[in-house]
Amino acid sequence: MEVRIGIKHAPRELSFETDLTKDDFERIIEDAVTKEAAIVKLHDSKSRSYLVATENILYVELSGDQARRVGFIA
């Protein structure tokens, strides 16, 4: 699943792929926000970690696990 996170005062969004399901990822973000955690730790599918200040998250966009098209469509 592809994740895009808008961060306050950042010119670009944070974008990465994760192996988590949509529900699991939403739960991580919701828990961090509702428990007022200072930082949320996220992991991508390549075992990289991202530490994001929870108060600076503007939006989170999750795209489904759709197969990518290859070739031309008439």
PDB file of N, CA and C in Angstrom:
ATOM      1  N   MET A   1       0.844  -1.159   0.000  1.00  0.00           N
ATOM      2  CA  MET A   1       0.000   0.000   0.000  1.00  0.00           C
ATOM      3  C   MET A   1       0.896   1.231   0.000  1.00  0.00           C
ATOM      4  N   GLU A   2       0.510   2.242  -0.762  1.00  0.00           N
ATOM      5  CA  GLU A   2       1.268   3.487  -0.809  1.00  0.00           C
ATOM      6  C   GLU A   2       0.697   4.472   0.211  1.00  0.00           C
ATOM      7  N   VAL A   3       1.594   5.151   0.911  1.00  0.00           N
ATOM      8  CA  VAL A   3       1.214   6.111   1.945  1.00  0.00           C
ATOM      9  C   VAL A   3       1.796   7.468   1.583  1.00  0.00           C
ATOM     10  N   ARG A   4       0.993   8.520   1.716  1.00  0.00           N
ATOM     11  CA  ARG A   4       1.473   9.894   1.560  1.00  0.00           C
ATOM     12  C   ARG A   4       1.024  10.676   2.783  1.00  0.00           C
ATOM     13  N   ILE A   5       1.980  11.368   3.406  1.00  0.00           N
ATOM     14  CA  ILE A   5       1.684  12.136   4.608  1.00  0.00           C
ATOM     15  C   ILE A   5       2.099  13.580   4.381  1.00  0.00           C
ATOM     16  N   GLY A   6       1.147  14.485   4.545  1.00  0.00           N
ATOM     17  CA  GLY A   6       1.447  15.910   4.466  1.00  0.00           C
ATOM     18  C   GLY A   6       1.948  16.384   5.818  1.00  0.00           C
ATOM     19  N   ILE A   7       3.062  17.104   5.802  1.00  0.00           N
ATOM     20  CA  ILE A   7       3.680  17.562   7.040  1.00  0.00           C
ATOM     21  C   ILE A   7       3.746  19.084   7.037  1.00  0.00           C
ATOM     22  N   LYS A   8       3.325  19.678   8.137  1.00  0.00           N
ATOM     23  CA  LYS A   8       3.299  21.128   8.295  1.00  0.00           C
ATOM     24  C   LYS A   8       4.686  21.719   8.061  1.00  0.00           C
ATOM     25  N   HIS A   9       4.749  22.799   7.281  1.00  0.00           N
ATOM     26  CA  HIS A   9       5.968  23.549   6.973  1.00  0.00           C
ATOM     27  C   HIS A   9       6.985  22.745   6.172  1.00  0.00           C
ATOM     28  N   ALA A  10       6.563  21.679   5.520  1.00  0.00           N
ATOM     29  CA  ALA A  10       7.455  20.888   4.660  1.00  0.00           C
ATOM     30  C   ALA A  10       7.016  21.097   3.207  1.00  0.00           C
ATOM     31  N   PRO A  11       7.955  21.367   2.313  1.00  0.00           N
ATOM     32  CA  PRO A  11       7.577  21.628   0.923  1.00  0.00           C
ATOM     33  C   PRO A  11       7.077  20.385   0.182  1.00  0.00           C
ATOM     34  N   ARG A  12       7.440  19.200   0.657  1.00  0.00           N
ATOM     35  CA  ARG A  12       7.014  17.958   0.014  1.00  0.00           C
ATOM     36  C   ARG A  12       6.369  17.036   1.032  1.00  0.00           C
ATOM     37  N   GLU A  13       5.525  16.156   0.512  1.00  0.00           N
ATOM     38  CA  GLU A  13       4.909  15.168   1.391  1.00  0.00           C
ATOM     39  C   GLU A  13       5.841  13.975   1.569  1.00  0.00           C
ATOM     40  N   LEU A  14       5.656  13.258   2.660  1.00  0.00           N
ATOM     41  CA  LEU A  14       6.392  12.021   2.912  1.00  0.00           C
ATOM     42  C   LEU A  14       5.639  10.906   2.197  1.00  0.00           C
ATOM     43  N   SER A  15       6.328  10.181   1.317  1.00  0.00           N
ATOM     44  CA  SER A  15       5.684   9.148   0.519  1.00  0.00           C
ATOM     45  C   SER A  15       6.502   7.865   0.595  1.00  0.00           C
ATOM     46  N   PHE A  16       5.822   6.745   0.886  1.00  0.00           N
ATOM     47  CA  PHE A  16       6.502   5.454   0.956  1.00  0.00           C
ATOM     48  C   PHE A  16       5.494   4.325   0.809  1.00  0.00           C
ATOM     49  N   GLU A  17       6.006   3.121   0.568  1.00  0.00           N
ATOM     50  CA  GLU A  17       5.187   1.911   0.467  1.00  0.00           C
ATOM     51  C   GLU A  17       5.312   1.131   1.771  1.00  0.00           C
ATOM     52  N   THR A  18       4.210   0.553   2.218  1.00  0.00           N
ATOM     53  CA  THR A  18       4.224  -0.251   3.436  1.00  0.00           C
ATOM     54  C   THR A  18       3.518  -1.579   3.198  1.00  0.00           C
ATOM     55  N   ASP A  19       3.896  -2.567   3.985  1.00  0.00           N
ATOM     56  CA  ASP A  19       3.257  -3.880   3.900  1.00  0.00           C
ATOM     57  C   ASP A  19       2.054  -3.987   4.836  1.00  0.00           C
ATOM     58  N   LEU A  20       1.804  -2.959   5.631  1.00  0.00           N
ATOM     59  CA  LEU A  20       0.669  -2.969   6.552  1.00  0.00           C
ATOM     60  C   LEU A  20      -0.640  -2.862   5.786  1.00  0.00           C
ATOM     61  N   THR A  21      -1.702  -3.347   6.386  1.00  0.00           N
ATOM     62  CA  THR A  21      -3.026  -3.164   5.800  1.00  0.00           C
ATOM     63  C   THR A  21      -3.498  -1.747   6.095  1.00  0.00           C
ATOM     64  N   LYS A  22      -4.503  -1.319   5.371  1.00  0.00           N
ATOM     65  CA  LYS A  22      -5.066   0.014   5.573  1.00  0.00           C
ATOM     66  C   LYS A  22      -5.550   0.177   7.015  1.00  0.00           C
ATOM     67  N   ASP A  23      -6.254  -0.816   7.535  1.00  0.00           N
ATOM     68  CA  ASP A  23      -6.781  -0.741   8.899  1.00  0.00           C
ATOM     69  C   ASP A  23      -5.666  -0.649   9.937  1.00  0.00           C
ATOM     70  N   ASP A  24      -4.609  -1.435   9.760  1.00  0.00           N
ATOM     71  CA  ASP A  24      -3.488  -1.401  10.704  1.00  0.00           C
ATOM     72  C   ASP A  24      -2.795  -0.042  10.688  1.00  0.00           C
ATOM     73  N   PHE A  25      -2.592   0.510   9.493  1.00  0.00           N
ATOM     74  CA  PHE A  25      -1.916   1.807   9.399  1.00  0.00           C
ATOM     75  C   PHE A  25      -2.786   2.910  10.009  1.00  0.00           C
ATOM     76  N   GLU A  26      -4.080   2.888   9.708  1.00  0.00           N
ATOM     77  CA  GLU A  26      -4.997   3.874  10.291  1.00  0.00           C
ATOM     78  C   GLU A  26      -4.973   3.794  11.814  1.00  0.00           C
ATOM     79  N   ARG A  27      -4.931   2.594  12.350  1.00  0.00           N
ATOM     80  CA  ARG A  27      -4.911   2.403  13.802  1.00  0.00           C
ATOM     81  C   ARG A  27      -3.658   3.031  14.420  1.00  0.00           C
ATOM     82  N   ILE A  28      -2.505   2.882  13.772  1.00  0.00           N
ATOM     83  CA  ILE A  28      -1.260   3.470  14.273  1.00  0.00           C
ATOM     84  C   ILE A  28      -1.378   4.990  14.346  1.00  0.00           C
ATOM     85  N   ILE A  29      -1.895   5.596  13.281  1.00  0.00           N
ATOM     86  CA  ILE A  29      -2.037   7.058  13.249  1.00  0.00           C
ATOM     87  C   ILE A  29      -3.070   7.517  14.271  1.00  0.00           C
ATOM     88  N   GLU A  30      -4.222   6.858  14.318  1.00  0.00           N
ATOM     89  CA  GLU A  30      -5.276   7.238  15.261  1.00  0.00           C
ATOM     90  C   GLU A  30      -4.806   7.117  16.706  1.00  0.00           C
ATOM     91  N   ASP A  31      -4.089   6.049  17.030  1.00  0.00           N
ATOM     92  CA  ASP A  31      -3.574   5.876  18.390  1.00  0.00           C
ATOM     93  C   ASP A  31      -2.603   6.991  18.758  1.00  0.00           C
ATOM     94  N   ALA A  32      -1.728   7.356  17.838  1.00  0.00           N
ATOM     95  CA  ALA A  32      -0.756   8.415  18.110  1.00  0.00           C
ATOM     96  C   ALA A  32      -1.454   9.751  18.349  1.00  0.00           C
ATOM     97  N   VAL A  33      -2.487  10.035  17.563  1.00  0.00           N
ATOM     98  CA  VAL A  33      -3.197  11.311  17.699  1.00  0.00           C
ATOM     99  C   VAL A  33      -4.052  11.332  18.965  1.00  0.00           C
ATOM    100  N   THR A  34      -4.819  10.274  19.216  1.00  0.00           N
ATOM    101  CA  THR A  34      -5.718  10.277  20.372  1.00  0.00           C
ATOM    102  C   THR A  34      -4.971  10.197  21.699  1.00  0.00           C
ATOM    103  N   LYS A  35      -3.818   9.524  21.698  1.00  0.00           N
ATOM    104  CA  LYS A  35      -3.021   9.435  22.927  1.00  0.00           C
ATOM    105  C   LYS A  35      -2.057  10.610  23.064  1.00  0.00           C
ATOM    106  N   GLU A  36      -2.133  11.537  22.106  1.00  0.00           N
ATOM    107  CA  GLU A  36      -1.296  12.739  22.094  1.00  0.00           C
ATOM    108  C   GLU A  36       0.188  12.405  22.201  1.00  0.00           C
ATOM    109  N   ALA A  37       0.604  11.380  21.464  1.00  0.00           N
ATOM    110  CA  ALA A  37       2.024  11.019  21.410  1.00  0.00           C
ATOM    111  C   ALA A  37       2.784  12.117  20.674  1.00  0.00           C
ATOM    112  N   ALA A  38       3.975  12.434  21.130  1.00  0.00           N
ATOM    113  CA  ALA A  38       4.777  13.480  20.489  1.00  0.00           C
ATOM    114  C   ALA A  38       5.255  13.035  19.111  1.00  0.00           C
ATOM    115  N   ILE A  39       5.592  11.756  18.996  1.00  0.00           N
ATOM    116  CA  ILE A  39       6.147  11.235  17.745  1.00  0.00           C
ATOM    117  C   ILE A  39       5.474   9.915  17.401  1.00  0.00           C
ATOM    118  N   VAL A  40       5.234   9.714  16.112  1.00  0.00           N
ATOM    119  CA  VAL A  40       4.743   8.427  15.625  1.00  0.00           C
ATOM    120  C   VAL A  40       5.860   7.809  14.781  1.00  0.00           C
ATOM    121  N   LYS A  41       6.139   6.531  15.015  1.00  0.00           N
ATOM    122  CA  LYS A  41       7.192   5.825  14.291  1.00  0.00           C
ATOM    123  C   LYS A  41       6.540   4.930  13.251  1.00  0.00           C
ATOM    124  N   LEU A  42       6.939   5.115  11.988  1.00  0.00           N
ATOM    125  CA  LEU A  42       6.368   4.374  10.876  1.00  0.00           C
ATOM    126  C   LEU A  42       7.465   3.594  10.164  1.00  0.00           C
ATOM    127  N   HIS A  43       7.095   2.475   9.549  1.00  0.00           N
ATOM    128  CA  HIS A  43       8.057   1.634   8.838  1.00  0.00           C
ATOM    129  C   HIS A  43       7.560   1.389   7.420  1.00  0.00           C
ATOM    130  N   ASP A  44       8.487   1.392   6.463  1.00  0.00           N
ATOM    131  CA  ASP A  44       8.102   1.096   5.091  1.00  0.00           C
ATOM    132  C   ASP A  44       8.425  -0.353   4.733  1.00  0.00           C
ATOM    133  N   SER A  45       8.124  -0.727   3.500  1.00  0.00           N
ATOM    134  CA  SER A  45       8.321  -2.113   3.072  1.00  0.00           C
ATOM    135  C   SER A  45       9.792  -2.469   2.859  1.00  0.00           C
ATOM    136  N   LYS A  46      10.681  -1.467   2.906  1.00  0.00           N
ATOM    137  CA  LYS A  46      12.124  -1.708   2.753  1.00  0.00           C
ATOM    138  C   LYS A  46      12.852  -1.619   4.088  1.00  0.00           C
ATOM    139  N   SER A  47      12.110  -1.745   5.176  1.00  0.00           N
ATOM    140  CA  SER A  47      12.645  -1.730   6.550  1.00  0.00           C
ATOM    141  C   SER A  47      13.248  -0.391   6.961  1.00  0.00           C
ATOM    142  N   ARG A  48      12.835   0.693   6.323  1.00  0.00           N
ATOM    143  CA  ARG A  48      13.259   2.026   6.760  1.00  0.00           C
ATOM    144  C   ARG A  48      12.244   2.535   7.769  1.00  0.00           C
ATOM    145  N   SER A  49      12.720   3.353   8.696  1.00  0.00           N
ATOM    146  CA  SER A  49      11.849   3.922   9.728  1.00  0.00           C
ATOM    147  C   SER A  49      11.728   5.424   9.535  1.00  0.00           C
ATOM    148  N   TYR A  50      10.554   5.954   9.858  1.00  0.00           N
ATOM    149  CA  TYR A  50      10.292   7.384   9.776  1.00  0.00           C
ATOM    150  C   TYR A  50       9.718   7.826  11.114  1.00  0.00           C
ATOM    151  N   LEU A  51      10.288   8.861  11.693  1.00  0.00           N
ATOM    152  CA  LEU A  51       9.771   9.444  12.925  1.00  0.00           C
ATOM    153  C   LEU A  51       9.137  10.776  12.560  1.00  0.00           C
ATOM    154  N   VAL A  52       7.842  10.904  12.828  1.00  0.00           N
ATOM    155  CA  VAL A  52       7.103  12.100  12.444  1.00  0.00           C
ATOM    156  C   VAL A  52       6.475  12.706  13.689  1.00  0.00           C
ATOM    157  N   ALA A  53       6.655  14.010  13.864  1.00  0.00           N
ATOM    158  CA  ALA A  53       6.012  14.711  14.974  1.00  0.00           C
ATOM    159  C   ALA A  53       4.504  14.706  14.729  1.00  0.00           C
ATOM    160  N   THR A  54       3.775  14.125  15.636  1.00  0.00           N
ATOM    161  CA  THR A  54       2.332  13.951  15.467  1.00  0.00           C
ATOM    162  C   THR A  54       1.608  15.278  15.260  1.00  0.00           C
ATOM    163  N   GLU A  55       2.034  16.310  15.958  1.00  0.00           N
ATOM    164  CA  GLU A  55       1.360  17.608  15.844  1.00  0.00           C
ATOM    165  C   GLU A  55       1.550  18.248  14.472  1.00  0.00           C
ATOM    166  N   ASN A  56       2.516  17.769  13.682  1.00  0.00           N
ATOM    167  CA  ASN A  56       2.782  18.347  12.365  1.00  0.00           C
ATOM    168  C   ASN A  56       2.131  17.590  11.216  1.00  0.00           C
ATOM    169  N   ILE A  57       1.382  16.539  11.513  1.00  0.00           N
ATOM    170  CA  ILE A  57       0.708  15.782  10.454  1.00  0.00           C
ATOM    171  C   ILE A  57      -0.534  16.552  10.018  1.00  0.00           C
ATOM    172  N   LEU A  58      -0.575  16.904   8.721  1.00  0.00           N
ATOM    173  CA  LEU A  58      -1.728  17.614   8.177  1.00  0.00           C
ATOM    174  C   LEU A  58      -2.758  16.653   7.587  1.00  0.00           C
ATOM    175  N   TYR A  59      -2.280  15.656   6.856  1.00  0.00           N
ATOM    176  CA  TYR A  59      -3.183  14.666   6.264  1.00  0.00           C
ATOM    177  C   TYR A  59      -2.426  13.374   6.011  1.00  0.00           C
ATOM    178  N   VAL A  60      -3.173  12.295   5.873  1.00  0.00           N
ATOM    179  CA  VAL A  60      -2.611  10.990   5.520  1.00  0.00           C
ATOM    180  C   VAL A  60      -3.452  10.435   4.376  1.00  0.00           C
ATOM    181  N   GLU A  61      -2.787  10.113   3.272  1.00  0.00           N
ATOM    182  CA  GLU A  61      -3.465   9.541   2.109  1.00  0.00           C
ATOM    183  C   GLU A  61      -2.990   8.102   1.931  1.00  0.00           C
ATOM    184  N   LEU A  62      -3.945   7.183   1.877  1.00  0.00           N
ATOM    185  CA  LEU A  62      -3.629   5.763   1.718  1.00  0.00           C
ATOM    186  C   LEU A  62      -4.221   5.284   0.404  1.00  0.00           C
ATOM    187  N   SER A  63      -3.397   4.661  -0.432  1.00  0.00           N
ATOM    188  CA  SER A  63      -3.918   4.106  -1.679  1.00  0.00           C
ATOM    189  C   SER A  63      -3.909   2.593  -1.578  1.00  0.00           C
ATOM    190  N   GLY A  64      -4.923   1.986  -2.140  1.00  0.00           N
ATOM    191  CA  GLY A  64      -5.109   0.542  -2.020  1.00  0.00           C
ATOM    192  C   GLY A  64      -4.031  -0.272  -2.692  1.00  0.00           C
ATOM    193  N   ASP A  65      -4.170  -1.567  -2.562  1.00  0.00           N
ATOM    194  CA  ASP A  65      -3.208  -2.510  -3.124  1.00  0.00           C
ATOM    195  C   ASP A  65      -3.606  -2.887  -4.549  1.00  0.00           C
ATOM    196  N   GLN A  66      -3.769  -1.905  -5.403  1.00  0.00           N
ATOM    197  CA  GLN A  66      -4.161  -2.186  -6.774  1.00  0.00           C
ATOM    198  C   GLN A  66      -2.942  -2.591  -7.591  1.00  0.00           C
ATOM    199  N   ALA A  67      -3.154  -3.525  -8.490  1.00  0.00           N
ATOM    200  CA  ALA A  67      -2.067  -3.926  -9.386  1.00  0.00           C
ATOM    201  C   ALA A  67      -1.787  -2.784 -10.355  1.00  0.00           C
ATOM    202  N   ARG A  68      -0.530  -2.534 -10.605  1.00  0.00           N
ATOM    203  CA  ARG A  68      -0.162  -1.455 -11.517  1.00  0.00           C
ATOM    204  C   ARG A  68      -0.258  -1.953 -12.951  1.00  0.00           C
ATOM    205  N   ARG A  69      -0.781  -1.096 -13.817  1.00  0.00           N
ATOM    206  CA  ARG A  69      -0.940  -1.452 -15.216  1.00  0.00           C
ATOM    207  C   ARG A  69       0.382  -1.248 -15.955  1.00  0.00           C
ATOM    208  N   VAL A  70       0.618  -2.132 -16.883  1.00  0.00           N
ATOM    209  CA  VAL A  70       1.810  -2.035 -17.714  1.00  0.00           C
ATOM    210  C   VAL A  70       1.365  -2.082 -19.162  1.00  0.00           C
ATOM    211  N   GLY A  71       1.896  -1.196 -19.985  1.00  0.00           N
ATOM    212  CA  GLY A  71       1.559  -1.201 -21.400  1.00  0.00           C
ATOM    213  C   GLY A  71       0.604  -0.080 -21.748  1.00  0.00           C
ATOM    214  N   PHE A  72       0.063  -0.176 -22.933  1.00  0.00           N
ATOM    215  CA  PHE A  72      -0.820   0.865 -23.437  1.00  0.00           C
ATOM    216  C   PHE A  72      -2.257   0.370 -23.444  1.00  0.00           C
ATOM    217  N   ILE A  73      -3.154   1.284 -23.176  1.00  0.00           N
ATOM    218  CA  ILE A  73      -4.578   0.958 -23.183  1.00  0.00           C
ATOM    219  C   ILE A  73      -5.213   1.747 -24.311  1.00  0.00           C
ATOM    220  N   ALA A  74      -5.949   1.079 -25.182  1.00  0.00           N
ATOM    221  CA  ALA A  74      -6.563   1.742 -26.328  1.00  0.00           C
ATOM    222  C   ALA A  74      -7.937   2.237 -25.979  1.00  0.00           C
TER     223      ALA A  74
END
